[in-house]
Amino acid sequence: MADKKEIGGLVRLAGWVFYVWGVLVTVYGFLKLLNIVKPDSEFVTAADWMRFSVFQITYGMVCVGVGYLLFLFIKKKL
């Protein structure tokens, strides 16, 4: 059976990965929302670009939330 500290380290690592990835995706989504980053294709409409940037912001915030929940899990359970 695996030791609790080994599992705790893996959960902590996963929490950091989710947290960092969520922050990066959220910042990139805000850059798209503010039109600092332009679309590569000229066939993308402004409404589609805005919708995708809001999706990216939401996805990033969910990743940050999952990372935070993993940190809470480590504090409470192990």
C-alpha atoms as a PDB file:
ATOM      1  CA  MET A   1       0.000   0.000   0.000  1.00  0.00           C
ATOM      2  CA  ALA A   2       1.263   3.463  -0.879  1.00  0.00           C
ATOM      3  CA  ASP A   3       2.419   5.772   1.847  1.00  0.00           C
ATOM      4  CA  LYS A   4       0.272   8.855   2.562  1.00  0.00           C
ATOM      5  CA  LYS A   5       3.185  11.215   1.942  1.00  0.00           C
ATOM      6  CA  GLU A   6       3.749   9.770  -1.535  1.00  0.00           C
ATOM      7  CA  ILE A   7       0.107  10.282  -2.443  1.00  0.00           C
ATOM      8  CA  GLY A   8       0.150  13.725  -0.853  1.00  0.00           C
ATOM      9  CA  GLY A   9       3.078  14.749  -3.035  1.00  0.00           C
ATOM     10  CA  LEU A  10       1.311  13.570  -6.183  1.00  0.00           C
ATOM     11  CA  VAL A  11      -1.882  15.404  -5.261  1.00  0.00           C
ATOM     12  CA  ARG A  12       0.110  18.539  -4.447  1.00  0.00           C
ATOM     13  CA  LEU A  13       1.889  18.308  -7.822  1.00  0.00           C
ATOM     14  CA  ALA A  14      -1.430  17.886  -9.622  1.00  0.00           C
ATOM     15  CA  GLY A  15      -2.801  20.880  -7.727  1.00  0.00           C
ATOM     16  CA  TRP A  16       0.107  23.050  -8.859  1.00  0.00           C
ATOM     17  CA  VAL A  17      -0.254  21.887 -12.463  1.00  0.00           C
ATOM     18  CA  PHE A  18      -3.958  22.741 -12.464  1.00  0.00           C
ATOM     19  CA  TYR A  19      -3.316  26.065 -10.748  1.00  0.00           C
ATOM     20  CA  VAL A  20      -0.540  27.217 -13.099  1.00  0.00           C
ATOM     21  CA  TRP A  21      -2.349  26.025 -16.220  1.00  0.00           C
ATOM     22  CA  GLY A  22      -5.551  27.741 -15.102  1.00  0.00           C
ATOM     23  CA  VAL A  23      -3.776  31.052 -14.505  1.00  0.00           C
ATOM     24  CA  LEU A  24      -2.081  30.902 -17.927  1.00  0.00           C
ATOM     25  CA  VAL A  25      -5.310  30.078 -19.768  1.00  0.00           C
ATOM     26  CA  THR A  26      -7.257  32.756 -17.882  1.00  0.00           C
ATOM     27  CA  VAL A  27      -4.696  35.454 -18.665  1.00  0.00           C
ATOM     28  CA  TYR A  28      -4.626  34.416 -22.329  1.00  0.00           C
ATOM     29  CA  GLY A  29      -8.433  34.501 -22.421  1.00  0.00           C
ATOM     30  CA  PHE A  30      -8.436  38.045 -21.009  1.00  0.00           C
ATOM     31  CA  LEU A  31      -5.873  39.082 -23.626  1.00  0.00           C
ATOM     32  CA  LYS A  32      -8.182  37.720 -26.315  1.00  0.00           C
ATOM     33  CA  LEU A  33     -11.186  39.423 -24.751  1.00  0.00           C
ATOM     34  CA  LEU A  34      -9.420  42.798 -24.790  1.00  0.00           C
ATOM     35  CA  ASN A  35      -8.344  42.244 -28.431  1.00  0.00           C
ATOM     36  CA  ILE A  36      -4.652  42.375 -27.551  1.00  0.00           C
ATOM     37  CA  VAL A  37      -4.265  38.969 -29.218  1.00  0.00           C
ATOM     38  CA  LYS A  38      -5.791  38.869 -32.695  1.00  0.00           C
ATOM     39  CA  PRO A  39      -7.168  35.745 -34.431  1.00  0.00           C
ATOM     40  CA  ASP A  40      -4.859  33.966 -36.880  1.00  0.00           C
ATOM     41  CA  SER A  41      -7.626  33.429 -39.405  1.00  0.00           C
ATOM     42  CA  GLU A  42      -9.584  36.144 -41.117  1.00  0.00           C
ATOM     43  CA  PHE A  43     -12.677  33.921 -41.190  1.00  0.00           C
ATOM     44  CA  VAL A  44     -13.297  34.165 -37.439  1.00  0.00           C
ATOM     45  CA  THR A  45     -16.028  36.638 -36.584  1.00  0.00           C
ATOM     46  CA  ALA A  46     -15.756  39.010 -33.636  1.00  0.00           C
ATOM     47  CA  ALA A  47     -18.668  37.279 -31.893  1.00  0.00           C
ATOM     48  CA  ASP A  48     -17.011  33.854 -32.207  1.00  0.00           C
ATOM     49  CA  TRP A  49     -13.719  35.287 -30.991  1.00  0.00           C
ATOM     50  CA  MET A  50     -15.447  36.854 -27.978  1.00  0.00           C
ATOM     51  CA  ARG A  51     -17.345  33.644 -27.207  1.00  0.00           C
ATOM     52  CA  PHE A  52     -14.174  31.566 -27.312  1.00  0.00           C
ATOM     53  CA  SER A  53     -12.304  34.015 -25.091  1.00  0.00           C
ATOM     54  CA  VAL A  54     -15.096  33.816 -22.487  1.00  0.00           C
ATOM     55  CA  PHE A  55     -14.911  30.007 -22.718  1.00  0.00           C
ATOM     56  CA  GLN A  56     -11.148  30.157 -22.130  1.00  0.00           C
ATOM     57  CA  ILE A  57     -11.577  32.407 -19.108  1.00  0.00           C
ATOM     58  CA  THR A  58     -14.182  30.034 -17.679  1.00  0.00           C
ATOM     59  CA  TYR A  59     -12.029  26.978 -18.353  1.00  0.00           C
ATOM     60  CA  GLY A  60      -9.032  28.640 -16.730  1.00  0.00           C
ATOM     61  CA  MET A  61     -10.989  29.595 -13.631  1.00  0.00           C
ATOM     62  CA  VAL A  62     -12.289  26.023 -13.317  1.00  0.00           C
ATOM     63  CA  CYS A  63      -8.706  24.730 -13.498  1.00  0.00           C
ATOM     64  CA  VAL A  64      -7.678  27.182 -10.758  1.00  0.00           C
ATOM     65  CA  GLY A  65     -10.637  25.974  -8.681  1.00  0.00           C
ATOM     66  CA  VAL A  66      -9.680  22.320  -9.128  1.00  0.00           C
ATOM     67  CA  GLY A  67      -6.120  23.120  -8.067  1.00  0.00           C
ATOM     68  CA  TYR A  68      -7.426  24.933  -5.004  1.00  0.00           C
ATOM     69  CA  LEU A  69      -9.687  22.003  -4.116  1.00  0.00           C
ATOM     70  CA  LEU A  70      -6.739  19.631  -4.386  1.00  0.00           C
ATOM     71  CA  PHE A  71      -4.789  21.836  -1.960  1.00  0.00           C
ATOM     72  CA  LEU A  72      -7.740  21.776   0.436  1.00  0.00           C
ATOM     73  CA  PHE A  73      -7.950  17.992   0.088  1.00  0.00           C
ATOM     74  CA  ILE A  74      -4.306  17.684   1.124  1.00  0.00           C
ATOM     75  CA  LYS A  75      -4.842  19.872   4.195  1.00  0.00           C
ATOM     76  CA  LYS A  76      -7.965  18.045   5.375  1.00  0.00           C
ATOM     77  CA  LYS A  77      -7.348  14.402   4.502  1.00  0.00           C
ATOM     78  CA  LEU A  78      -3.612  13.788   4.830  1.00  0.00           C
END
